[in-house]
Each structure stands twice: as C-alpha cells, then as structure tokens.
C-alpha cells in the first residue's frame, strides 16, 4: 500500500510544541507503542471517531508519506486493515498542512474530505 499522504490527529498544544522543536516525537500512546500512529485518508474519520471523540483543540496533520522513507511501515491493525506507522520522529518539514478539527454535533472531530 502506498498513499501519497498520511494523517495524524493530535492536540494543538502538542503540535505547537513539536513545531518549536522541529520534530514530533509522538503522543503518549505512540511513545508507549514505539511508533507514531498515522491513518490513511480513508481511515482518518474512523480514527477520529474511535479515539478522539469529545476531545477539543485537535488538529489534523497531513504528512508527505514519501518524505518519511523506510521509517514508514504499513502494518495490520484495527480489523486487519493496514495502517501507516512511523518508526522514528516526524520532521515538521514533512508536513504539508495542518487544519483545526472542530467537533461536530455528536462530539466527533470533523475530518474534512481527504484523498
């Protein structure tokens, strides 16, 4: 599987700290698991629903998958689907854009249409 872009949902403050440092080391869960969890464009809305419902001040980060090189691995996860995992820090230079993720009327982060 080879998507052009992969996506990360995280807190705005967490991302702002990463930008100041020049790299994103991952969330507490990422650090525990040993890799940064990403989603494909097709997976991002379900990731938001399952893992981020009710959380405010989130951002969606679009990352150039090609810029991550061999550190990006597609591995089986939820329901056997292949998910992108980054084994290493995310350089902020690989980020193409960052968008706020407001909550919809049901408290789910509203992921915009993606590739």
PDB file of N, CA and C in Angstrom:
ATOM      1  N   UNK A   1       0.848  -1.178   0.000  1.00  0.00           N
ATOM      2  CA  UNK A   1       0.000   0.000   0.000  1.00  0.00           C
ATOM      3  C   UNK A   1       0.887   1.232   0.000  1.00  0.00           C
ATOM      4  N   UNK A   2       0.541   2.211  -0.819  1.00  0.00           N
ATOM      5  CA  UNK A   2       1.375   3.399  -0.916  1.00  0.00           C
ATOM      6  C   UNK A   2       0.483   4.610  -1.137  1.00  0.00           C
ATOM      7  N   UNK A   3       0.104   5.292  -0.059  1.00  0.00           N
ATOM      8  CA  UNK A   3      -0.640   6.536  -0.167  1.00  0.00           C
ATOM      9  C   UNK A   3       0.366   7.673  -0.265  1.00  0.00           C
ATOM     10  N   UNK A   4      -0.019   8.732  -0.940  1.00  0.00           N
ATOM     11  CA  UNK A   4       0.855   9.900  -1.057  1.00  0.00           C
ATOM     12  C   UNK A   4       0.972  10.655   0.253  1.00  0.00           C
ATOM     13  N   UNK A   5      -0.132  10.636   1.024  1.00  0.00           N
ATOM     14  CA  UNK A   5      -0.165  11.360   2.284  1.00  0.00           C
ATOM     15  C   UNK A   5      -0.676  10.459   3.394  1.00  0.00           C
ATOM     16  N   UNK A   6      -0.192  10.706   4.609  1.00  0.00           N
ATOM     17  CA  UNK A   6      -0.700  10.050   5.804  1.00  0.00           C
ATOM     18  C   UNK A   6      -1.089  11.161   6.774  1.00  0.00           C
ATOM     19  N   UNK A   7      -1.932  10.814   7.741  1.00  0.00           N
ATOM     20  CA  UNK A   7      -2.540  11.830   8.594  1.00  0.00           C
ATOM     21  C   UNK A   7      -2.388  11.480  10.065  1.00  0.00           C
ATOM     22  N   UNK A   8      -2.178  12.521  10.863  1.00  0.00           N
ATOM     23  CA  UNK A   8      -2.038  12.378  12.301  1.00  0.00           C
ATOM     24  C   UNK A   8      -2.998  13.347  12.977  1.00  0.00           C
ATOM     25  N   UNK A   9      -3.712  12.865  13.980  1.00  0.00           N
ATOM     26  CA  UNK A   9      -4.562  13.704  14.806  1.00  0.00           C
ATOM     27  C   UNK A   9      -3.864  13.861  16.158  1.00  0.00           C
ATOM     28  N   UNK A  10      -3.751  15.105  16.605  1.00  0.00           N
ATOM     29  CA  UNK A  10      -3.178  15.341  17.932  1.00  0.00           C
ATOM     30  C   UNK A  10      -3.671  16.678  18.465  1.00  0.00           C
ATOM     31  N   UNK A  11      -3.371  16.937  19.712  1.00  0.00           N
ATOM     32  CA  UNK A  11      -3.752  18.193  20.328  1.00  0.00           C
ATOM     33  C   UNK A  11      -2.970  19.356  19.751  1.00  0.00           C
ATOM     34  N   UNK A  12      -3.614  20.510  19.677  1.00  0.00           N
ATOM     35  CA  UNK A  12      -2.981  21.700  19.116  1.00  0.00           C
ATOM     36  C   UNK A  12      -1.713  22.071  19.896  1.00  0.00           C
ATOM     37  N   UNK A  13      -1.763  22.045  21.218  1.00  0.00           N
ATOM     38  CA  UNK A  13      -0.576  22.389  22.015  1.00  0.00           C
ATOM     39  C   UNK A  13       0.561  21.402  21.778  1.00  0.00           C
ATOM     40  N   UNK A  14       0.211  20.128  21.677  1.00  0.00           N
ATOM     41  CA  UNK A  14       1.209  19.087  21.412  1.00  0.00           C
ATOM     42  C   UNK A  14       1.910  19.374  20.079  1.00  0.00           C
ATOM     43  N   UNK A  15       1.127  19.755  19.064  1.00  0.00           N
ATOM     44  CA  UNK A  15       1.700  20.039  17.760  1.00  0.00           C
ATOM     45  C   UNK A  15       2.538  21.317  17.798  1.00  0.00           C
ATOM     46  N   UNK A  16       2.055  22.353  18.470  1.00  0.00           N
ATOM     47  CA  UNK A  16       2.813  23.601  18.561  1.00  0.00           C
ATOM     48  C   UNK A  16       4.160  23.379  19.236  1.00  0.00           C
ATOM     49  N   UNK A  17       4.208  22.517  20.240  1.00  0.00           N
ATOM     50  CA  UNK A  17       5.483  22.169  20.884  1.00  0.00           C
ATOM     51  C   UNK A  17       6.414  21.464  19.905  1.00  0.00           C
ATOM     52  N   UNK A  18       5.841  20.573  19.080  1.00  0.00           N
ATOM     53  CA  UNK A  18       6.642  19.859  18.085  1.00  0.00           C
ATOM     54  C   UNK A  18       7.227  20.823  17.057  1.00  0.00           C
ATOM     55  N   UNK A  19       6.429  21.780  16.630  1.00  0.00           N
ATOM     56  CA  UNK A  19       6.914  22.763  15.651  1.00  0.00           C
ATOM     57  C   UNK A  19       8.075  23.561  16.244  1.00  0.00           C
ATOM     58  N   UNK A  20       7.944  23.947  17.488  1.00  0.00           N
ATOM     59  CA  UNK A  20       9.020  24.702  18.146  1.00  0.00           C
ATOM     60  C   UNK A  20      10.306  23.883  18.226  1.00  0.00           C
ATOM     61  N   UNK A  21      10.161  22.571  18.387  1.00  0.00           N
ATOM     62  CA  UNK A  21      11.317  21.680  18.485  1.00  0.00           C
ATOM     63  C   UNK A  21      11.834  21.238  17.114  1.00  0.00           C
ATOM     64  N   UNK A  22      10.963  21.327  16.098  1.00  0.00           N
ATOM     65  CA  UNK A  22      11.343  20.902  14.753  1.00  0.00           C
ATOM     66  C   UNK A  22      11.021  19.450  14.463  1.00  0.00           C
ATOM     67  N   UNK A  23      10.454  18.768  15.453  1.00  0.00           N
ATOM     68  CA  UNK A  23      10.083  17.362  15.240  1.00  0.00           C
ATOM     69  C   UNK A  23       9.006  16.945  16.235  1.00  0.00           C
ATOM     70  N   UNK A  24       8.220  15.980  15.800  1.00  0.00           N
ATOM     71  CA  UNK A  24       7.156  15.426  16.634  1.00  0.00           C
ATOM     72  C   UNK A  24       7.577  14.029  17.050  1.00  0.00           C
ATOM     73  N   UNK A  25       7.669  13.833  18.342  1.00  0.00           N
ATOM     74  CA  UNK A  25       8.122  12.542  18.866  1.00  0.00           C
ATOM     75  C   UNK A  25       6.966  11.555  19.050  1.00  0.00           C
ATOM     76  N   UNK A  26       5.741  12.080  19.090  1.00  0.00           N
ATOM     77  CA  UNK A  26       4.568  11.219  19.229  1.00  0.00           C
ATOM     78  C   UNK A  26       3.800  11.503  20.504  1.00  0.00           C
ATOM     79  N   UNK A  27       2.580  10.990  20.528  1.00  0.00           N
ATOM     80  CA  UNK A  27       1.721  11.098  21.700  1.00  0.00           C
ATOM     81  C   UNK A  27       2.191  10.107  22.763  1.00  0.00           C
ATOM     82  N   UNK A  28       1.563  10.147  23.913  1.00  0.00           N
ATOM     83  CA  UNK A  28       1.890   9.177  24.970  1.00  0.00           C
ATOM     84  C   UNK A  28       1.686   7.753  24.461  1.00  0.00           C
ATOM     85  N   UNK A  29       0.613   7.517  23.706  1.00  0.00           N
ATOM     86  CA  UNK A  29       0.361   6.179  23.149  1.00  0.00           C
ATOM     87  C   UNK A  29       1.440   5.804  22.135  1.00  0.00           C
ATOM     88  N   UNK A  30       1.809   6.753  21.285  1.00  0.00           N
ATOM     89  CA  UNK A  30       2.864   6.494  20.298  1.00  0.00           C
ATOM     90  C   UNK A  30       4.164   6.083  21.003  1.00  0.00           C
ATOM     91  N   UNK A  31       4.529   6.839  22.017  1.00  0.00           N
ATOM     92  CA  UNK A  31       5.761   6.548  22.745  1.00  0.00           C
ATOM     93  C   UNK A  31       5.704   5.174  23.406  1.00  0.00           C
ATOM     94  N   UNK A  32       4.533   4.826  23.943  1.00  0.00           N
ATOM     95  CA  UNK A  32       4.348   3.508  24.572  1.00  0.00           C
ATOM     96  C   UNK A  32       4.478   2.387  23.535  1.00  0.00           C
ATOM     97  N   UNK A  33       3.887   2.604  22.346  1.00  0.00           N
ATOM     98  CA  UNK A  33       3.889   1.571  21.310  1.00  0.00           C
ATOM     99  C   UNK A  33       5.189   1.508  20.514  1.00  0.00           C
ATOM    100  N   UNK A  34       5.999   2.544  20.589  1.00  0.00           N
ATOM    101  CA  UNK A  34       7.279   2.535  19.895  1.00  0.00           C
ATOM    102  C   UNK A  34       7.234   3.045  18.467  1.00  0.00           C
ATOM    103  N   UNK A  35       6.119   3.653  18.061  1.00  0.00           N
ATOM    104  CA  UNK A  35       5.995   4.240  16.733  1.00  0.00           C
ATOM    105  C   UNK A  35       4.891   5.286  16.749  1.00  0.00           C
ATOM    106  N   UNK A  36       4.930   6.183  15.761  1.00  0.00           N
ATOM    107  CA  UNK A  36       3.899   7.206  15.622  1.00  0.00           C
ATOM    108  C   UNK A  36       2.774   6.617  14.779  1.00  0.00           C
ATOM    109  N   UNK A  37       1.570   6.615  15.344  1.00  0.00           N
ATOM    110  CA  UNK A  37       0.380   6.122  14.641  1.00  0.00           C
ATOM    111  C   UNK A  37      -0.103   7.164  13.639  1.00  0.00           C
ATOM    112  N   UNK A  38      -0.310   6.741  12.410  1.00  0.00           N
ATOM    113  CA  UNK A  38      -0.919   7.573  11.374  1.00  0.00           C
ATOM    114  C   UNK A  38      -2.143   6.849  10.834  1.00  0.00           C
ATOM    115  N   UNK A  39      -2.906   7.551  10.029  1.00  0.00           N
ATOM    116  CA  UNK A  39      -4.036   6.974   9.299  1.00  0.00           C
ATOM    117  C   UNK A  39      -3.904   7.360   7.839  1.00  0.00           C
ATOM    118  N   UNK A  40      -4.461   6.536   6.970  1.00  0.00           N
ATOM    119  CA  UNK A  40      -4.602   6.925   5.568  1.00  0.00           C
ATOM    120  C   UNK A  40      -5.776   7.900   5.482  1.00  0.00           C
ATOM    121  N   UNK A  41      -5.964   8.502   4.329  1.00  0.00           N
ATOM    122  CA  UNK A  41      -7.105   9.389   4.144  1.00  0.00           C
ATOM    123  C   UNK A  41      -8.427   8.684   4.378  1.00  0.00           C
ATOM    124  N   UNK A  42      -8.510   7.424   3.967  1.00  0.00           N
ATOM    125  CA  UNK A  42      -9.740   6.653   4.134  1.00  0.00           C
ATOM    126  C   UNK A  42      -9.983   6.253   5.588  1.00  0.00           C
ATOM    127  N   UNK A  43      -8.957   6.243   6.410  1.00  0.00           N
ATOM    128  CA  UNK A  43      -9.066   5.783   7.801  1.00  0.00           C
ATOM    129  C   UNK A  43      -9.225   6.911   8.812  1.00  0.00           C
ATOM    130  N   UNK A  44      -8.916   8.141   8.432  1.00  0.00           N
ATOM    131  CA  UNK A  44      -8.831   9.234   9.390  1.00  0.00           C
ATOM    132  C   UNK A  44     -10.136   9.523  10.120  1.00  0.00           C
ATOM    133  N   UNK A  45     -11.268   9.505   9.433  1.00  0.00           N
ATOM    134  CA  UNK A  45     -12.551   9.792  10.095  1.00  0.00           C
ATOM    135  C   UNK A  45     -12.878   8.751  11.161  1.00  0.00           C
ATOM    136  N   UNK A  46     -12.631   7.490  10.864  1.00  0.00           N
ATOM    137  CA  UNK A  46     -12.903   6.424  11.838  1.00  0.00           C
ATOM    138  C   UNK A  46     -11.938   6.517  13.019  1.00  0.00           C
ATOM    139  N   UNK A  47     -10.699   6.868  12.762  1.00  0.00           N
ATOM    140  CA  UNK A  47      -9.737   7.081  13.849  1.00  0.00           C
ATOM    141  C   UNK A  47     -10.219   8.208  14.757  1.00  0.00           C
ATOM    142  N   UNK A  48     -10.691   9.290  14.161  1.00  0.00           N
ATOM    143  CA  UNK A  48     -11.213  10.419  14.941  1.00  0.00           C
ATOM    144  C   UNK A  48     -12.385   9.970  15.806  1.00  0.00           C
ATOM    145  N   UNK A  49     -13.296   9.204  15.227  1.00  0.00           N
ATOM    146  CA  UNK A  49     -14.485   8.748  15.952  1.00  0.00           C
ATOM    147  C   UNK A  49     -14.118   7.816  17.097  1.00  0.00           C
ATOM    148  N   UNK A  50     -13.232   6.862  16.845  1.00  0.00           N
ATOM    149  CA  UNK A  50     -12.897   5.852  17.846  1.00  0.00           C
ATOM    150  C   UNK A  50     -11.984   6.361  18.967  1.00  0.00           C
ATOM    151  N   UNK A  51     -11.067   7.241  18.635  1.00  0.00           N
ATOM    152  CA  UNK A  51     -10.017   7.593  19.587  1.00  0.00           C
ATOM    153  C   UNK A  51     -10.022   9.043  20.077  1.00  0.00           C
ATOM    154  N   UNK A  52     -10.809   9.909  19.441  1.00  0.00           N
ATOM    155  CA  UNK A  52     -10.733  11.328  19.791  1.00  0.00           C
ATOM    156  C   UNK A  52     -12.093  11.974  20.063  1.00  0.00           C
ATOM    157  N   UNK A  53     -13.151  11.193  20.158  1.00  0.00           N
ATOM    158  CA  UNK A  53     -14.484  11.748  20.424  1.00  0.00           C
ATOM    159  C   UNK A  53     -14.471  12.559  21.715  1.00  0.00           C
ATOM    160  N   UNK A  54     -15.088  13.731  21.654  1.00  0.00           N
ATOM    161  CA  UNK A  54     -15.209  14.587  22.819  1.00  0.00           C
ATOM    162  C   UNK A  54     -13.984  15.417  23.144  1.00  0.00           C
ATOM    163  N   UNK A  55     -12.899  15.223  22.417  1.00  0.00           N
ATOM    164  CA  UNK A  55     -11.665  15.974  22.686  1.00  0.00           C
ATOM    165  C   UNK A  55     -11.635  17.241  21.828  1.00  0.00           C
ATOM    166  N   UNK A  56     -11.401  18.358  22.474  1.00  0.00           N
ATOM    167  CA  UNK A  56     -11.348  19.631  21.761  1.00  0.00           C
ATOM    168  C   UNK A  56      -9.903  20.039  21.513  1.00  0.00           C
ATOM    169  N   UNK A  57      -9.755  21.092  20.707  1.00  0.00           N
ATOM    170  CA  UNK A  57      -8.440  21.662  20.387  1.00  0.00           C
ATOM    171  C   UNK A  57      -7.524  20.655  19.703  1.00  0.00           C
ATOM    172  N   UNK A  58      -8.098  19.916  18.760  1.00  0.00           N
ATOM    173  CA  UNK A  58      -7.320  18.953  17.977  1.00  0.00           C
ATOM    174  C   UNK A  58      -6.957  19.548  16.627  1.00  0.00           C
ATOM    175  N   UNK A  59      -5.878  19.020  16.051  1.00  0.00           N
ATOM    176  CA  UNK A  59      -5.502  19.373  14.684  1.00  0.00           C
ATOM    177  C   UNK A  59      -5.303  18.089  13.880  1.00  0.00           C
ATOM    178  N   UNK A  60      -5.498  18.222  12.575  1.00  0.00           N
ATOM    179  CA  UNK A  60      -5.222  17.150  11.629  1.00  0.00           C
ATOM    180  C   UNK A  60      -3.983  17.557  10.852  1.00  0.00           C
ATOM    181  N   UNK A  61      -2.986  16.688  10.850  1.00  0.00           N
ATOM    182  CA  UNK A  61      -1.708  16.967  10.208  1.00  0.00           C
ATOM    183  C   UNK A  61      -1.583  16.083   8.970  1.00  0.00           C
ATOM    184  N   UNK A  62      -1.336  16.709   7.839  1.00  0.00           N
ATOM    185  CA  UNK A  62      -1.134  15.995   6.576  1.00  0.00           C
ATOM    186  C   UNK A  62       0.362  15.900   6.320  1.00  0.00           C
ATOM    187  N   UNK A  63       0.843  14.675   6.149  1.00  0.00           N
ATOM    188  CA  UNK A  63       2.275  14.420   6.006  1.00  0.00           C
ATOM    189  C   UNK A  63       2.558  13.754   4.657  1.00  0.00           C
ATOM    190  N   UNK A  64       3.590  14.214   4.000  1.00  0.00           N
ATOM    191  CA  UNK A  64       4.065  13.618   2.755  1.00  0.00           C
ATOM    192  C   UNK A  64       4.670  12.253   3.085  1.00  0.00           C
ATOM    193  N   UNK A  65       3.979  11.193   2.726  1.00  0.00           N
ATOM    194  CA  UNK A  65       4.437   9.843   3.071  1.00  0.00           C
ATOM    195  C   UNK A  65       5.813   9.547   2.463  1.00  0.00           C
ATOM    196  N   UNK A  66       6.064  10.029   1.274  1.00  0.00           N
ATOM    197  CA  UNK A  66       7.338   9.780   0.619  1.00  0.00           C
ATOM    198  C   UNK A  66       8.520  10.385   1.357  1.00  0.00           C
ATOM    199  N   UNK A  67       8.282  11.477   2.074  1.00  0.00           N
ATOM    200  CA  UNK A  67       9.356  12.140   2.816  1.00  0.00           C
ATOM    201  C   UNK A  67       9.776  11.348   4.055  1.00  0.00           C
ATOM    202  N   UNK A  68       8.980  10.345   4.439  1.00  0.00           N
ATOM    203  CA  UNK A  68       9.284   9.568   5.642  1.00  0.00           C
ATOM    204  C   UNK A  68      10.198   8.383   5.361  1.00  0.00           C
ATOM    205  N   UNK A  69      10.361   8.050   4.088  1.00  0.00           N
ATOM    206  CA  UNK A  69      11.276   6.981   3.701  1.00  0.00           C
ATOM    207  C   UNK A  69      10.928   5.631   4.295  1.00  0.00           C
ATOM    208  N   UNK A  70      11.960   4.844   4.547  1.00  0.00           N
ATOM    209  CA  UNK A  70      11.773   3.469   5.018  1.00  0.00           C
ATOM    210  C   UNK A  70      11.333   3.392   6.473  1.00  0.00           C
ATOM    211  N   UNK A  71      11.313   4.523   7.183  1.00  0.00           N
ATOM    212  CA  UNK A  71      10.836   4.524   8.576  1.00  0.00           C
ATOM    213  C   UNK A  71       9.325   4.367   8.650  1.00  0.00           C
ATOM    214  N   UNK A  72       8.618   4.580   7.518  1.00  0.00           N
ATOM    215  CA  UNK A  72       7.165   4.410   7.471  1.00  0.00           C
ATOM    216  C   UNK A  72       6.846   2.980   7.047  1.00  0.00           C
ATOM    217  N   UNK A  73       6.125   2.288   7.894  1.00  0.00           N
ATOM    218  CA  UNK A  73       5.730   0.898   7.626  1.00  0.00           C
ATOM    219  C   UNK A  73       4.217   0.801   7.642  1.00  0.00           C
ATOM    220  N   UNK A  74       3.658   0.017   6.724  1.00  0.00           N
ATOM    221  CA  UNK A  74       2.221  -0.253   6.706  1.00  0.00           C
ATOM    222  C   UNK A  74       2.008  -1.597   7.384  1.00  0.00           C
ATOM    223  N   UNK A  75       1.293  -1.576   8.517  1.00  0.00           N
ATOM    224  CA  UNK A  75       1.140  -2.781   9.328  1.00  0.00           C
ATOM    225  C   UNK A  75      -0.319  -3.025   9.689  1.00  0.00           C
ATOM    226  N   UNK A  76      -0.661  -4.307   9.835  1.00  0.00           N
ATOM    227  CA  UNK A  76      -2.035  -4.691  10.189  1.00  0.00           C
ATOM    228  C   UNK A  76      -2.387  -4.163  11.573  1.00  0.00           C
ATOM    229  N   UNK A  77      -3.580  -3.620  11.668  1.00  0.00           N
ATOM    230  CA  UNK A  77      -4.072  -3.100  12.939  1.00  0.00           C
ATOM    231  C   UNK A  77      -5.577  -3.336  12.981  1.00  0.00           C
ATOM    232  N   UNK A  78      -6.334  -2.322  13.337  1.00  0.00           N
ATOM    233  CA  UNK A  78      -7.786  -2.408  13.510  1.00  0.00           C
ATOM    234  C   UNK A  78      -8.451  -3.199  12.381  1.00  0.00           C
ATOM    235  N   UNK A  79      -9.059  -4.323  12.734  1.00  0.00           N
ATOM    236  CA  UNK A  79      -9.793  -5.127  11.768  1.00  0.00           C
ATOM    237  C   UNK A  79      -8.934  -5.703  10.656  1.00  0.00           C
ATOM    238  N   UNK A  80      -7.628  -5.760  10.862  1.00  0.00           N
ATOM    239  CA  UNK A  80      -6.741  -6.299   9.835  1.00  0.00           C
ATOM    240  C   UNK A  80      -6.334  -5.283   8.782  1.00  0.00           C
ATOM    241  N   UNK A  81      -6.896  -4.071   8.847  1.00  0.00           N
ATOM    242  CA  UNK A  81      -6.510  -3.035   7.891  1.00  0.00           C
ATOM    243  C   UNK A  81      -5.046  -2.668   8.087  1.00  0.00           C
ATOM    244  N   UNK A  82      -4.400  -2.275   7.011  1.00  0.00           N
ATOM    245  CA  UNK A  82      -3.024  -1.811   7.087  1.00  0.00           C
ATOM    246  C   UNK A  82      -3.017  -0.333   7.453  1.00  0.00           C
ATOM    247  N   UNK A  83      -2.266  -0.002   8.501  1.00  0.00           N
ATOM    248  CA  UNK A  83      -2.135   1.374   8.964  1.00  0.00           C
ATOM    249  C   UNK A  83      -0.685   1.808   8.855  1.00  0.00           C
ATOM    250  N   UNK A  84      -0.459   3.094   8.553  1.00  0.00           N
ATOM    251  CA  UNK A  84       0.906   3.610   8.487  1.00  0.00           C
ATOM    252  C   UNK A  84       1.451   3.896   9.887  1.00  0.00           C
ATOM    253  N   UNK A  85       2.625   3.371  10.165  1.00  0.00           N
ATOM    254  CA  UNK A  85       3.317   3.579  11.441  1.00  0.00           C
ATOM    255  C   UNK A  85       4.711   4.118  11.143  1.00  0.00           C
ATOM    256  N   UNK A  86       5.097   5.172  11.839  1.00  0.00           N
ATOM    257  CA  UNK A  86       6.413   5.771  11.642  1.00  0.00           C
ATOM    258  C   UNK A  86       7.322   5.368  12.792  1.00  0.00           C
ATOM    259  N   UNK A  87       8.392   4.689  12.456  1.00  0.00           N
ATOM    260  CA  UNK A  87       9.389   4.274  13.443  1.00  0.00           C
ATOM    261  C   UNK A  87      10.492   5.326  13.491  1.00  0.00           C
ATOM    262  N   UNK A  88      10.237   6.356  14.251  1.00  0.00           N
ATOM    263  CA  UNK A  88      11.155   7.479  14.389  1.00  0.00           C
ATOM    264  C   UNK A  88      10.354   8.742  14.603  1.00  0.00           C
ATOM    265  N   UNK A  89      11.049   9.850  14.725  1.00  0.00           N
ATOM    266  CA  UNK A  89      10.394  11.138  14.908  1.00  0.00           C
ATOM    267  C   UNK A  89       9.903  11.671  13.572  1.00  0.00           C
ATOM    268  N   UNK A  90       8.844  12.459  13.628  1.00  0.00           N
ATOM    269  CA  UNK A  90       8.310  13.125  12.444  1.00  0.00           C
ATOM    270  C   UNK A  90       8.949  14.503  12.325  1.00  0.00           C
ATOM    271  N   UNK A  91       9.691  14.723  11.263  1.00  0.00           N
ATOM    272  CA  UNK A  91      10.251  16.043  10.991  1.00  0.00           C
ATOM    273  C   UNK A  91       9.110  16.956  10.541  1.00  0.00           C
ATOM    274  N   UNK A  92       9.036  18.141  11.110  1.00  0.00           N
ATOM    275  CA  UNK A  92       7.969  19.063  10.709  1.00  0.00           C
ATOM    276  C   UNK A  92       8.115  19.477   9.243  1.00  0.00           C
ATOM    277  N   UNK A  93       9.278  19.286   8.664  1.00  0.00           N
ATOM    278  CA  UNK A  93       9.475  19.605   7.245  1.00  0.00           C
ATOM    279  C   UNK A  93       8.682  18.682   6.319  1.00  0.00           C
ATOM    280  N   UNK A  94       8.289  17.508   6.805  1.00  0.00           N
ATOM    281  CA  UNK A  94       7.498  16.568   6.002  1.00  0.00           C
ATOM    282  C   UNK A  94       6.010  16.905   6.005  1.00  0.00           C
ATOM    283  N   UNK A  95       5.610  17.872   6.804  1.00  0.00           N
ATOM    284  CA  UNK A  95       4.194  18.234   6.944  1.00  0.00           C
ATOM    285  C   UNK A  95       3.793  19.180   5.818  1.00  0.00           C
ATOM    286  N   UNK A  96       2.677  18.853   5.170  1.00  0.00           N
ATOM    287  CA  UNK A  96       2.174  19.676   4.062  1.00  0.00           C
ATOM    288  C   UNK A  96       1.159  20.706   4.537  1.00  0.00           C
ATOM    289  N   UNK A  97       0.323  20.345   5.480  1.00  0.00           N
ATOM    290  CA  UNK A  97      -0.619  21.301   6.062  1.00  0.00           C
ATOM    291  C   UNK A  97      -1.139  20.787   7.400  1.00  0.00           C
ATOM    292  N   UNK A  98      -1.699  21.727   8.172  1.00  0.00           N
ATOM    293  CA  UNK A  98      -2.299  21.431   9.474  1.00  0.00           C
ATOM    294  C   UNK A  98      -3.634  22.163   9.516  1.00  0.00           C
ATOM    295  N   UNK A  99      -4.699  21.443   9.899  1.00  0.00           N
ATOM    296  CA  UNK A  99      -6.031  22.043   9.988  1.00  0.00           C
ATOM    297  C   UNK A  99      -6.636  21.755  11.356  1.00  0.00           C
ATOM    298  N   UNK A 100      -7.386  22.733  11.849  1.00  0.00           N
ATOM    299  CA  UNK A 100      -8.142  22.519  13.080  1.00  0.00           C
ATOM    300  C   UNK A 100      -9.211  21.465  12.844  1.00  0.00           C
ATOM    301  N   UNK A 101      -9.513  20.690  13.894  1.00  0.00           N
ATOM    302  CA  UNK A 101     -10.565  19.678  13.832  1.00  0.00           C
ATOM    303  C   UNK A 101     -11.659  20.023  14.851  1.00  0.00           C
ATOM    304  N   UNK A 102     -12.617  20.840  14.438  1.00  0.00           N
ATOM    305  CA  UNK A 102     -13.712  21.147  15.358  1.00  0.00           C
ATOM    306  C   UNK A 102     -14.585  19.908  15.558  1.00  0.00           C
ATOM    307  N   UNK A 103     -15.301  19.887  16.672  1.00  0.00           N
ATOM    308  CA  UNK A 103     -16.213  18.776  16.934  1.00  0.00           C
ATOM    309  C   UNK A 103     -17.532  19.010  16.213  1.00  0.00           C
ATOM    310  N   UNK A 104     -18.107  17.915  15.690  1.00  0.00           N
ATOM    311  CA  UNK A 104     -19.423  18.021  15.069  1.00  0.00           C
ATOM    312  C   UNK A 104     -20.496  17.984  16.167  1.00  0.00           C
ATOM    313  N   UNK A 105     -21.756  17.951  15.787  1.00  0.00           N
ATOM    314  CA  UNK A 105     -22.857  17.990  16.751  1.00  0.00           C
ATOM    315  C   UNK A 105     -22.894  16.771  17.669  1.00  0.00           C
ATOM    316  N   UNK A 106     -22.193  15.700  17.296  1.00  0.00           N
ATOM    317  CA  UNK A 106     -22.143  14.486  18.114  1.00  0.00           C
ATOM    318  C   UNK A 106     -20.845  14.391  18.916  1.00  0.00           C
ATOM    319  N   UNK A 107     -20.026  15.439  18.855  1.00  0.00           N
ATOM    320  CA  UNK A 107     -18.783  15.451  19.612  1.00  0.00           C
ATOM    321  C   UNK A 107     -17.637  14.693  18.957  1.00  0.00           C
ATOM    322  N   UNK A 108     -17.770  14.439  17.657  1.00  0.00           N
ATOM    323  CA  UNK A 108     -16.722  13.732  16.901  1.00  0.00           C
ATOM    324  C   UNK A 108     -15.919  14.772  16.116  1.00  0.00           C
ATOM    325  N   UNK A 109     -14.586  14.685  16.132  1.00  0.00           N
ATOM    326  CA  UNK A 109     -13.806  15.610  15.313  1.00  0.00           C
ATOM    327  C   UNK A 109     -14.204  15.504  13.838  1.00  0.00           C
ATOM    328  N   UNK A 110     -14.480  16.649  13.244  1.00  0.00           N
ATOM    329  CA  UNK A 110     -14.980  16.705  11.860  1.00  0.00           C
ATOM    330  C   UNK A 110     -13.808  16.708  10.885  1.00  0.00           C
ATOM    331  N   UNK A 111     -13.444  15.516  10.400  1.00  0.00           N
ATOM    332  CA  UNK A 111     -12.350  15.357   9.445  1.00  0.00           C
ATOM    333  C   UNK A 111     -12.859  15.793   8.072  1.00  0.00           C
ATOM    334  N   UNK A 112     -12.153  16.698   7.402  1.00  0.00           N
ATOM    335  CA  UNK A 112     -12.586  17.121   6.057  1.00  0.00           C
ATOM    336  C   UNK A 112     -12.357  15.988   5.055  1.00  0.00           C
ATOM    337  N   UNK A 113     -12.948  16.100   3.872  1.00  0.00           N
ATOM    338  CA  UNK A 113     -12.680  15.096   2.838  1.00  0.00           C
ATOM    339  C   UNK A 113     -11.194  15.053   2.515  1.00  0.00           C
ATOM    340  N   UNK A 114     -10.657  13.850   2.431  1.00  0.00           N
ATOM    341  CA  UNK A 114      -9.234  13.652   2.138  1.00  0.00           C
ATOM    342  C   UNK A 114      -9.092  12.788   0.911  1.00  0.00           C
ATOM    343  N   UNK A 115      -7.894  12.737   0.353  1.00  0.00           N
ATOM    344  CA  UNK A 115      -7.602  11.986  -0.879  1.00  0.00           C
ATOM    345  C   UNK A 115      -8.338  10.692  -1.001  1.00  0.00           C
TER     346      UNK A 115
END
